[in-house]
Amino acid sequence: MNSIEKIVLDSEEMDWALTRMAHEIIEQNKGVRDLALIGIRTGGVPLADRLQHQIASIEGIMVPTGILDITLYRDDWSTLSQHPIIKKTDILFSVDNKSIILVDDVIYTGRTVRAALDALTDFGRPRKIQLAVLIDRGRRELPIQPDFVGLSVKTSADERIDVFLREIGGRDEVVMTKKAG
């Protein structure tokens, strides 16, 4: 079966989206005091790093960043593999009383974010948790909505969104693929 690909964000558009998101994060949080970014593995990690640098270029402060692995918190982990691959969570600061921005590449059903919320609260009690995603593709199964969005793309069940990041795949691009036929 063939498929049709469409680029929905190129490298330059991705940079613009992240710059806008950084400004929105600063504005909605009235600065960066007690702010921290935590990237959800895999795609959220480089995006959290990029947002950290964007925020630093605006505010002159490097907010702390962390890495969250949600593998064992997923409600479908047993259907993914008999032996899930667990990667390192790396949060080297207290989340207590902080404004945490969870960062991911795509939000779809909301299940990844639910798992991330469960995992994050095992580290303490943030004052506030907000969600930043590069792509919101709609079609939620859980009542979870992002606070900061790079681009909203309405998709159908037969469409897929792939986010390519230079830190992982060597290029910056968001591609929507639709099954043809």
C-alpha atoms as a PDB file:
ATOM      1  CA  MET A   1       0.000   0.000   0.000  1.00  0.00           C
ATOM      2  CA  ASN A   2       1.358   3.402  -0.992  1.00  0.00           C
ATOM      3  CA  SER A   3       1.393   6.489   1.177  1.00  0.00           C
ATOM      4  CA  ILE A   4       1.369  10.230   0.629  1.00  0.00           C
ATOM      5  CA  GLU A   5       3.780  12.410   2.609  1.00  0.00           C
ATOM      6  CA  LYS A   6       3.398  16.101   3.335  1.00  0.00           C
ATOM      7  CA  ILE A   7       5.918  18.274   5.187  1.00  0.00           C
ATOM      8  CA  VAL A   8       3.977  20.231   7.802  1.00  0.00           C
ATOM      9  CA  LEU A   9       7.005  21.943   9.394  1.00  0.00           C
ATOM     10  CA  ASP A  10      10.450  22.443   7.943  1.00  0.00           C
ATOM     11  CA  SER A  11      13.557  23.358   9.931  1.00  0.00           C
ATOM     12  CA  GLU A  12      13.008  27.116   9.803  1.00  0.00           C
ATOM     13  CA  GLU A  13       9.317  26.816  10.724  1.00  0.00           C
ATOM     14  CA  MET A  14      10.250  24.542  13.629  1.00  0.00           C
ATOM     15  CA  ASP A  15      12.671  27.188  14.920  1.00  0.00           C
ATOM     16  CA  TRP A  16       9.970  29.869  14.660  1.00  0.00           C
ATOM     17  CA  ALA A  17       7.487  27.675  16.533  1.00  0.00           C
ATOM     18  CA  LEU A  18       9.961  26.992  19.355  1.00  0.00           C
ATOM     19  CA  THR A  19      10.850  30.692  19.618  1.00  0.00           C
ATOM     20  CA  ARG A  20       7.164  31.602  19.904  1.00  0.00           C
ATOM     21  CA  MET A  21       6.610  28.847  22.469  1.00  0.00           C
ATOM     22  CA  ALA A  22       9.547  30.128  24.562  1.00  0.00           C
ATOM     23  CA  HIS A  23       8.035  33.634  24.589  1.00  0.00           C
ATOM     24  CA  GLU A  24       4.630  32.216  25.570  1.00  0.00           C
ATOM     25  CA  ILE A  25       6.155  30.153  28.398  1.00  0.00           C
ATOM     26  CA  ILE A  26       7.893  33.246  29.795  1.00  0.00           C
ATOM     27  CA  GLU A  27       4.783  35.389  29.426  1.00  0.00           C
ATOM     28  CA  GLN A  28       2.337  32.918  30.986  1.00  0.00           C
ATOM     29  CA  ASN A  29       4.699  32.228  33.886  1.00  0.00           C
ATOM     30  CA  LYS A  30       5.549  35.928  34.373  1.00  0.00           C
ATOM     31  CA  GLY A  31       9.238  35.196  33.941  1.00  0.00           C
ATOM     32  CA  VAL A  32      11.334  32.139  34.694  1.00  0.00           C
ATOM     33  CA  ARG A  33      11.482  32.131  38.493  1.00  0.00           C
ATOM     34  CA  ASP A  34      11.159  28.543  39.809  1.00  0.00           C
ATOM     35  CA  LEU A  35      10.640  27.295  36.232  1.00  0.00           C
ATOM     36  CA  ALA A  36      12.058  23.993  34.969  1.00  0.00           C
ATOM     37  CA  LEU A  37      11.699  22.037  31.721  1.00  0.00           C
ATOM     38  CA  ILE A  38      11.395  18.259  31.660  1.00  0.00           C
ATOM     39  CA  GLY A  39      11.549  16.447  28.329  1.00  0.00           C
ATOM     40  CA  ILE A  40       9.617  13.215  27.860  1.00  0.00           C
ATOM     41  CA  ARG A  41      11.790  10.587  26.183  1.00  0.00           C
ATOM     42  CA  THR A  42      12.502  10.484  23.312  1.00  0.00           C
ATOM     43  CA  GLY A  43      11.461  13.517  21.238  1.00  0.00           C
ATOM     44  CA  GLY A  44      10.704  15.780  24.183  1.00  0.00           C
ATOM     45  CA  VAL A  45      14.298  15.735  25.406  1.00  0.00           C
ATOM     46  CA  PRO A  46      15.969  17.686  22.566  1.00  0.00           C
ATOM     47  CA  LEU A  47      12.935  19.994  22.377  1.00  0.00           C
ATOM     48  CA  ALA A  48      13.274  20.806  26.098  1.00  0.00           C
ATOM     49  CA  ASP A  49      16.965  21.597  25.498  1.00  0.00           C
ATOM     50  CA  ARG A  50      16.086  23.867  22.572  1.00  0.00           C
ATOM     51  CA  LEU A  51      13.414  25.659  24.626  1.00  0.00           C
ATOM     52  CA  GLN A  52      15.947  26.075  27.436  1.00  0.00           C
ATOM     53  CA  HIS A  53      18.330  27.837  25.036  1.00  0.00           C
ATOM     54  CA  GLN A  54      15.543  29.958  23.522  1.00  0.00           C
ATOM     55  CA  ILE A  55      14.458  31.051  27.016  1.00  0.00           C
ATOM     56  CA  ALA A  56      18.078  31.802  27.944  1.00  0.00           C
ATOM     57  CA  SER A  57      18.491  33.979  24.840  1.00  0.00           C
ATOM     58  CA  ILE A  58      15.420  35.996  25.906  1.00  0.00           C
ATOM     59  CA  GLU A  59      15.823  36.083  29.710  1.00  0.00           C
ATOM     60  CA  GLY A  60      19.560  35.517  30.158  1.00  0.00           C
ATOM     61  CA  ILE A  61      18.906  32.607  32.543  1.00  0.00           C
ATOM     62  CA  MET A  62      19.384  28.895  31.894  1.00  0.00           C
ATOM     63  CA  VAL A  63      16.406  27.218  33.523  1.00  0.00           C
ATOM     64  CA  PRO A  64      17.042  23.650  34.710  1.00  0.00           C
ATOM     65  CA  THR A  65      16.101  20.780  32.431  1.00  0.00           C
ATOM     66  CA  GLY A  66      15.486  17.126  33.101  1.00  0.00           C
ATOM     67  CA  ILE A  67      14.709  13.900  31.286  1.00  0.00           C
ATOM     68  CA  LEU A  68      11.709  11.705  32.100  1.00  0.00           C
ATOM     69  CA  ASP A  69      11.353   8.085  31.000  1.00  0.00           C
ATOM     70  CA  ILE A  70       7.725   6.942  31.230  1.00  0.00           C
ATOM     71  CA  THR A  71       8.083   3.356  30.028  1.00  0.00           C
ATOM     72  CA  LEU A  72       6.815   1.658  33.189  1.00  0.00           C
ATOM     73  CA  TYR A  73       4.045   4.229  33.675  1.00  0.00           C
ATOM     74  CA  ARG A  74       2.375   3.580  30.320  1.00  0.00           C
ATOM     75  CA  ASP A  75      -0.976   1.813  30.463  1.00  0.00           C
ATOM     76  CA  ASP A  76      -0.012  -0.218  27.390  1.00  0.00           C
ATOM     77  CA  TRP A  77       3.584  -1.186  28.208  1.00  0.00           C
ATOM     78  CA  SER A  78       2.772  -4.881  28.473  1.00  0.00           C
ATOM     79  CA  THR A  79       1.351  -4.881  24.942  1.00  0.00           C
ATOM     80  CA  LEU A  80       4.420  -3.121  23.534  1.00  0.00           C
ATOM     81  CA  SER A  81       6.970  -5.720  24.557  1.00  0.00           C
ATOM     82  CA  GLN A  82       7.518  -8.592  26.964  1.00  0.00           C
ATOM     83  CA  HIS A  83      10.705  -6.832  28.106  1.00  0.00           C
ATOM     84  CA  PRO A  84      10.307  -3.055  27.813  1.00  0.00           C
ATOM     85  CA  ILE A  85      13.499  -1.071  27.397  1.00  0.00           C
ATOM     86  CA  ILE A  86      13.789   1.294  30.319  1.00  0.00           C
ATOM     87  CA  LYS A  87      16.006   4.308  29.830  1.00  0.00           C
ATOM     88  CA  LYS A  88      17.323   6.686  32.416  1.00  0.00           C
ATOM     89  CA  THR A  89      15.251   9.399  34.041  1.00  0.00           C
ATOM     90  CA  ASP A  90      17.548  12.302  34.832  1.00  0.00           C
ATOM     91  CA  ILE A  91      16.075  15.024  37.056  1.00  0.00           C
ATOM     92  CA  LEU A  92      18.889  16.554  39.092  1.00  0.00           C
ATOM     93  CA  PHE A  93      16.795  19.187  40.882  1.00  0.00           C
ATOM     94  CA  SER A  94      13.850  19.161  43.246  1.00  0.00           C
ATOM     95  CA  VAL A  95      10.490  19.500  41.498  1.00  0.00           C
ATOM     96  CA  ASP A  96       8.824  20.609  44.740  1.00  0.00           C
ATOM     97  CA  ASN A  97       7.107  24.005  44.418  1.00  0.00           C
ATOM     98  CA  LYS A  98       8.459  24.487  40.888  1.00  0.00           C
ATOM     99  CA  SER A  99       6.535  25.361  37.742  1.00  0.00           C
ATOM    100  CA  ILE A 100       7.329  22.384  35.553  1.00  0.00           C
ATOM    101  CA  ILE A 101       6.935  22.476  31.798  1.00  0.00           C
ATOM    102  CA  LEU A 102       6.606  18.923  30.464  1.00  0.00           C
ATOM    103  CA  VAL A 103       7.866  18.870  26.873  1.00  0.00           C
ATOM    104  CA  ASP A 104       6.983  16.354  24.166  1.00  0.00           C
ATOM    105  CA  ASP A 105       7.128  16.272  20.387  1.00  0.00           C
ATOM    106  CA  VAL A 106       3.523  15.189  19.631  1.00  0.00           C
ATOM    107  CA  ILE A 107       0.308  14.931  21.602  1.00  0.00           C
ATOM    108  CA  TYR A 108      -2.296  12.549  20.254  1.00  0.00           C
ATOM    109  CA  THR A 109      -4.406  10.429  22.612  1.00  0.00           C
ATOM    110  CA  GLY A 110      -3.064  12.003  25.820  1.00  0.00           C
ATOM    111  CA  ARG A 111      -1.898   8.675  27.244  1.00  0.00           C
ATOM    112  CA  THR A 112       1.808   9.553  27.127  1.00  0.00           C
ATOM    113  CA  VAL A 113       1.145  12.743  29.071  1.00  0.00           C
ATOM    114  CA  ARG A 114      -0.950  10.861  31.648  1.00  0.00           C
ATOM    115  CA  ALA A 115       1.956   8.481  32.175  1.00  0.00           C
ATOM    116  CA  ALA A 116       4.372  11.426  32.432  1.00  0.00           C
ATOM    117  CA  LEU A 117       2.207  13.079  35.095  1.00  0.00           C
ATOM    118  CA  ASP A 118       2.239   9.859  37.122  1.00  0.00           C
ATOM    119  CA  ALA A 119       6.015   9.512  36.748  1.00  0.00           C
ATOM    120  CA  LEU A 120       6.712  13.155  37.568  1.00  0.00           C
ATOM    121  CA  THR A 121       4.674  13.182  40.771  1.00  0.00           C
ATOM    122  CA  ASP A 122       6.822  10.310  42.044  1.00  0.00           C
ATOM    123  CA  PHE A 123       9.622  12.922  42.230  1.00  0.00           C
ATOM    124  CA  GLY A 124       7.721  15.397  44.382  1.00  0.00           C
ATOM    125  CA  ARG A 125       4.957  17.957  44.291  1.00  0.00           C
ATOM    126  CA  PRO A 126       5.368  20.708  41.709  1.00  0.00           C
ATOM    127  CA  ARG A 127       3.462  23.944  42.263  1.00  0.00           C
ATOM    128  CA  LYS A 128       2.211  23.761  38.678  1.00  0.00           C
ATOM    129  CA  ILE A 129       2.655  21.464  35.677  1.00  0.00           C
ATOM    130  CA  GLN A 130       2.172  22.760  32.147  1.00  0.00           C
ATOM    131  CA  LEU A 131       2.498  20.949  28.845  1.00  0.00           C
ATOM    132  CA  ALA A 132       4.442  22.122  25.787  1.00  0.00           C
ATOM    133  CA  VAL A 133       4.241  20.133  22.545  1.00  0.00           C
ATOM    134  CA  LEU A 134       5.621  20.834  19.106  1.00  0.00           C
ATOM    135  CA  ILE A 135       2.636  19.196  17.361  1.00  0.00           C
ATOM    136  CA  ASP A 136      -0.947  18.766  18.559  1.00  0.00           C
ATOM    137  CA  ARG A 137      -2.604  16.284  16.225  1.00  0.00           C
ATOM    138  CA  GLY A 138      -5.942  16.159  18.047  1.00  0.00           C
ATOM    139  CA  ARG A 139      -8.038  13.004  18.501  1.00  0.00           C
ATOM    140  CA  ARG A 140      -7.686  12.763  22.319  1.00  0.00           C
ATOM    141  CA  GLU A 141      -8.760   9.728  24.317  1.00  0.00           C
ATOM    142  CA  LEU A 142      -8.107  11.461  27.654  1.00  0.00           C
ATOM    143  CA  PRO A 143      -9.068  14.999  28.759  1.00  0.00           C
ATOM    144  CA  ILE A 144      -5.546  16.408  28.486  1.00  0.00           C
ATOM    145  CA  GLN A 145      -4.738  19.602  26.583  1.00  0.00           C
ATOM    146  CA  PRO A 146      -1.374  21.303  25.970  1.00  0.00           C
ATOM    147  CA  ASP A 147      -0.662  24.802  27.290  1.00  0.00           C
ATOM    148  CA  PHE A 148       1.910  25.622  24.595  1.00  0.00           C
ATOM    149  CA  VAL A 149       1.682  24.324  21.016  1.00  0.00           C
ATOM    150  CA  GLY A 150       4.028  24.790  18.085  1.00  0.00           C
ATOM    151  CA  LEU A 151       1.441  23.745  15.487  1.00  0.00           C
ATOM    152  CA  SER A 152      -2.001  22.139  15.595  1.00  0.00           C
ATOM    153  CA  VAL A 153      -2.622  19.655  12.795  1.00  0.00           C
ATOM    154  CA  LYS A 154      -5.982  17.947  12.560  1.00  0.00           C
ATOM    155  CA  THR A 155      -5.426  14.352  11.525  1.00  0.00           C
ATOM    156  CA  SER A 156      -7.593  11.390  10.638  1.00  0.00           C
ATOM    157  CA  ALA A 157      -7.141   7.851  11.931  1.00  0.00           C
ATOM    158  CA  ASP A 158      -5.251   6.844   8.775  1.00  0.00           C
ATOM    159  CA  GLU A 159      -2.701   9.639   9.067  1.00  0.00           C
ATOM    160  CA  ARG A 160       0.565   9.563  10.990  1.00  0.00           C
ATOM    161  CA  ILE A 161       2.792  12.395  12.211  1.00  0.00           C
ATOM    162  CA  ASP A 162       6.550  11.849  12.355  1.00  0.00           C
ATOM    163  CA  VAL A 163       8.829  14.397  14.021  1.00  0.00           C
ATOM    164  CA  PHE A 164      12.442  14.268  12.917  1.00  0.00           C
ATOM    165  CA  LEU A 165      14.937  16.104  15.117  1.00  0.00           C
ATOM    166  CA  ARG A 166      18.563  16.724  14.158  1.00  0.00           C
ATOM    167  CA  GLU A 167      19.751  15.449  17.547  1.00  0.00           C
ATOM    168  CA  ILE A 168      18.119  12.068  16.884  1.00  0.00           C
ATOM    169  CA  GLY A 169      17.680  11.658  13.141  1.00  0.00           C
ATOM    170  CA  GLY A 170      19.985  14.262  11.624  1.00  0.00           C
ATOM    171  CA  ARG A 171      17.290  16.590  10.263  1.00  0.00           C
ATOM    172  CA  ASP A 172      14.526  18.896  11.498  1.00  0.00           C
ATOM    173  CA  GLU A 173      11.203  18.171   9.868  1.00  0.00           C
ATOM    174  CA  VAL A 174       7.637  17.220  10.720  1.00  0.00           C
ATOM    175  CA  VAL A 175       5.973  14.940   8.179  1.00  0.00           C
ATOM    176  CA  MET A 176       2.365  13.822   7.905  1.00  0.00           C
ATOM    177  CA  THR A 177       1.886  10.498   6.136  1.00  0.00           C
ATOM    178  CA  LYS A 178      -1.487   9.329   4.842  1.00  0.00           C
ATOM    179  CA  LYS A 179      -2.166   5.816   3.623  1.00  0.00           C
ATOM    180  CA  ALA A 180      -3.174   5.995  -0.015  1.00  0.00           C
ATOM    181  CA  GLY A 181      -5.758   3.744  -1.481  1.00  0.00           C
END
